[in-house]
Amino acid sequence: MSDEHSDFRADLRQYLTGFALALALTLIPFALVWWNLAPRAVALWIIAGLAILQGIVHLRYFFHIDLSRQKREDLQLILFSLLILAMMAGGTIWIMANLAQRMG
């Protein structure tokens, strides 16, 4: 009973930490834009960096993916899926830009 209770508390602590980090990484870009704290180009780079950090937080705290040996297969599957999605999105943008150039 004590082990279950301590496991539950450890899991709850991990989820709450992930939630707090995800909330902070969401609110910072909103504040950045709302109060116009940085020039547009700088704000876009900051928001992109925080988005990448947000993804890492989700992988670590909610999907429980880390760099341990047993979780590497899951991480490789996720990274391969992201590669395929990036290729599809990049190809679509490339084709649409080429079509726009030919029509213009």
C-alpha atoms as a PDB file:
ATOM      1  CA  MET A   1       0.000   0.000   0.000  1.00  0.00           C
ATOM      2  CA  SER A   2       2.795   2.416   0.850  1.00  0.00           C
ATOM      3  CA  ASP A   3       4.604   1.730  -2.431  1.00  0.00           C
ATOM      4  CA  GLU A   4       1.448   2.447  -4.428  1.00  0.00           C
ATOM      5  CA  HIS A   5       0.924   5.675  -2.526  1.00  0.00           C
ATOM      6  CA  SER A   6       4.504   6.837  -3.065  1.00  0.00           C
ATOM      7  CA  ASP A   7       4.333   5.874  -6.770  1.00  0.00           C
ATOM      8  CA  PHE A   8       1.104   7.841  -7.117  1.00  0.00           C
ATOM      9  CA  ARG A   9       2.657  10.870  -5.432  1.00  0.00           C
ATOM     10  CA  ALA A  10       5.754  10.656  -7.661  1.00  0.00           C
ATOM     11  CA  ASP A  11       3.597  10.427 -10.793  1.00  0.00           C
ATOM     12  CA  LEU A  12       1.399  13.290  -9.614  1.00  0.00           C
ATOM     13  CA  ARG A  13       4.455  15.424  -8.888  1.00  0.00           C
ATOM     14  CA  GLN A  14       5.830  14.667 -12.354  1.00  0.00           C
ATOM     15  CA  TYR A  15       2.536  15.572 -14.066  1.00  0.00           C
ATOM     16  CA  LEU A  16       2.184  18.780 -12.071  1.00  0.00           C
ATOM     17  CA  THR A  17       5.760  19.778 -12.902  1.00  0.00           C
ATOM     18  CA  GLY A  18       5.076  19.134 -16.587  1.00  0.00           C
ATOM     19  CA  PHE A  19       1.832  21.094 -16.394  1.00  0.00           C
ATOM     20  CA  ALA A  20       3.545  24.069 -14.744  1.00  0.00           C
ATOM     21  CA  LEU A  21       6.339  24.089 -17.328  1.00  0.00           C
ATOM     22  CA  ALA A  22       3.885  23.744 -20.238  1.00  0.00           C
ATOM     23  CA  LEU A  23       1.736  26.551 -18.834  1.00  0.00           C
ATOM     24  CA  ALA A  24       4.746  28.840 -18.422  1.00  0.00           C
ATOM     25  CA  LEU A  25       5.987  28.027 -21.933  1.00  0.00           C
ATOM     26  CA  THR A  26       2.515  28.919 -23.238  1.00  0.00           C
ATOM     27  CA  LEU A  27       2.034  32.128 -21.279  1.00  0.00           C
ATOM     28  CA  ILE A  28       5.451  33.621 -22.098  1.00  0.00           C
ATOM     29  CA  PRO A  29       4.745  33.944 -25.863  1.00  0.00           C
ATOM     30  CA  PHE A  30       1.285  35.359 -25.158  1.00  0.00           C
ATOM     31  CA  ALA A  31       2.788  37.989 -22.852  1.00  0.00           C
ATOM     32  CA  LEU A  32       5.536  38.702 -25.380  1.00  0.00           C
ATOM     33  CA  VAL A  33       2.967  39.484 -28.073  1.00  0.00           C
ATOM     34  CA  TRP A  34       0.351  41.120 -25.844  1.00  0.00           C
ATOM     35  CA  TRP A  35       2.727  43.689 -24.357  1.00  0.00           C
ATOM     36  CA  ASN A  36       4.887  43.976 -27.517  1.00  0.00           C
ATOM     37  CA  LEU A  37       8.072  43.247 -25.560  1.00  0.00           C
ATOM     38  CA  ALA A  38      10.314  42.502 -28.560  1.00  0.00           C
ATOM     39  CA  PRO A  39      10.562  43.386 -32.233  1.00  0.00           C
ATOM     40  CA  ARG A  40       8.580  41.110 -34.538  1.00  0.00           C
ATOM     41  CA  ALA A  41      11.526  39.055 -35.871  1.00  0.00           C
ATOM     42  CA  VAL A  42      12.982  38.517 -32.403  1.00  0.00           C
ATOM     43  CA  ALA A  43       9.561  37.610 -31.013  1.00  0.00           C
ATOM     44  CA  LEU A  44       9.088  34.995 -33.739  1.00  0.00           C
ATOM     45  CA  TRP A  45      12.455  33.391 -32.936  1.00  0.00           C
ATOM     46  CA  ILE A  46      11.672  33.373 -29.212  1.00  0.00           C
ATOM     47  CA  ILE A  47       8.243  31.841 -29.834  1.00  0.00           C
ATOM     48  CA  ALA A  48       9.774  29.168 -32.098  1.00  0.00           C
ATOM     49  CA  GLY A  49      12.371  28.301 -29.444  1.00  0.00           C
ATOM     50  CA  LEU A  50       9.742  28.103 -26.720  1.00  0.00           C
ATOM     51  CA  ALA A  51       7.598  25.882 -28.974  1.00  0.00           C
ATOM     52  CA  ILE A  52      10.491  23.444 -29.317  1.00  0.00           C
ATOM     53  CA  LEU A  53      10.979  23.483 -25.542  1.00  0.00           C
ATOM     54  CA  GLN A  54       7.246  22.892 -25.112  1.00  0.00           C
ATOM     55  CA  GLY A  55       7.525  19.789 -27.306  1.00  0.00           C
ATOM     56  CA  ILE A  56      10.428  18.505 -25.231  1.00  0.00           C
ATOM     57  CA  VAL A  57       8.453  19.081 -22.020  1.00  0.00           C
ATOM     58  CA  HIS A  58       5.527  17.102 -23.435  1.00  0.00           C
ATOM     59  CA  LEU A  59       7.772  14.239 -24.508  1.00  0.00           C
ATOM     60  CA  ARG A  60       9.497  14.092 -21.127  1.00  0.00           C
ATOM     61  CA  TYR A  61       6.703  14.707 -18.622  1.00  0.00           C
ATOM     62  CA  PHE A  62       3.559  13.448 -20.378  1.00  0.00           C
ATOM     63  CA  PHE A  63       4.787  10.782 -22.828  1.00  0.00           C
ATOM     64  CA  HIS A  64       7.540   9.677 -20.397  1.00  0.00           C
ATOM     65  CA  ILE A  65      10.106   9.554 -23.205  1.00  0.00           C
ATOM     66  CA  ASP A  66      13.692   9.991 -22.060  1.00  0.00           C
ATOM     67  CA  LEU A  67      17.096   8.886 -23.300  1.00  0.00           C
ATOM     68  CA  SER A  68      17.175   5.616 -21.371  1.00  0.00           C
ATOM     69  CA  ARG A  69      17.830   2.449 -23.351  1.00  0.00           C
ATOM     70  CA  GLN A  70      14.307   1.045 -23.061  1.00  0.00           C
ATOM     71  CA  LYS A  71      12.632   4.249 -24.284  1.00  0.00           C
ATOM     72  CA  ARG A  72      14.874   4.805 -27.319  1.00  0.00           C
ATOM     73  CA  GLU A  73      12.630   2.829 -29.645  1.00  0.00           C
ATOM     74  CA  ASP A  74       9.680   5.056 -28.759  1.00  0.00           C
ATOM     75  CA  LEU A  75      11.790   8.161 -29.288  1.00  0.00           C
ATOM     76  CA  GLN A  76      13.025   6.880 -32.656  1.00  0.00           C
ATOM     77  CA  LEU A  77       9.445   6.185 -33.738  1.00  0.00           C
ATOM     78  CA  ILE A  78       8.378   9.704 -32.788  1.00  0.00           C
ATOM     79  CA  LEU A  79      11.384  11.288 -34.519  1.00  0.00           C
ATOM     80  CA  PHE A  80      10.768   9.254 -37.686  1.00  0.00           C
ATOM     81  CA  SER A  81       7.121  10.331 -37.691  1.00  0.00           C
ATOM     82  CA  LEU A  82       8.214  13.953 -37.319  1.00  0.00           C
ATOM     83  CA  LEU A  83      10.648  13.526 -40.214  1.00  0.00           C
ATOM     84  CA  ILE A  84       7.891  12.182 -42.466  1.00  0.00           C
ATOM     85  CA  LEU A  85       5.555  15.037 -41.466  1.00  0.00           C
ATOM     86  CA  ALA A  86       8.283  17.629 -42.080  1.00  0.00           C
ATOM     87  CA  MET A  87       8.989  16.150 -45.511  1.00  0.00           C
ATOM     88  CA  MET A  88       5.300  16.246 -46.396  1.00  0.00           C
ATOM     89  CA  ALA A  89       4.849  19.819 -45.184  1.00  0.00           C
ATOM     90  CA  GLY A  90       8.084  21.008 -46.791  1.00  0.00           C
ATOM     91  CA  GLY A  91       7.216  19.341 -50.088  1.00  0.00           C
ATOM     92  CA  THR A  92       3.765  20.884 -50.072  1.00  0.00           C
ATOM     93  CA  ILE A  93       5.169  24.353 -49.413  1.00  0.00           C
ATOM     94  CA  TRP A  94       7.807  23.869 -52.119  1.00  0.00           C
ATOM     95  CA  ILE A  95       5.227  22.787 -54.695  1.00  0.00           C
ATOM     96  CA  MET A  96       2.823  25.605 -53.804  1.00  0.00           C
ATOM     97  CA  ALA A  97       5.621  28.206 -53.973  1.00  0.00           C
ATOM     98  CA  ASN A  98       6.729  26.839 -57.353  1.00  0.00           C
ATOM     99  CA  LEU A  99       3.153  27.012 -58.654  1.00  0.00           C
ATOM    100  CA  ALA A 100       2.749  30.566 -57.350  1.00  0.00           C
ATOM    101  CA  GLN A 101       5.986  31.583 -59.101  1.00  0.00           C
ATOM    102  CA  ARG A 102       4.898  30.036 -62.410  1.00  0.00           C
ATOM    103  CA  MET A 103       1.469  31.676 -62.272  1.00  0.00           C
ATOM    104  CA  GLY A 104       2.826  35.117 -61.377  1.00  0.00           C
END
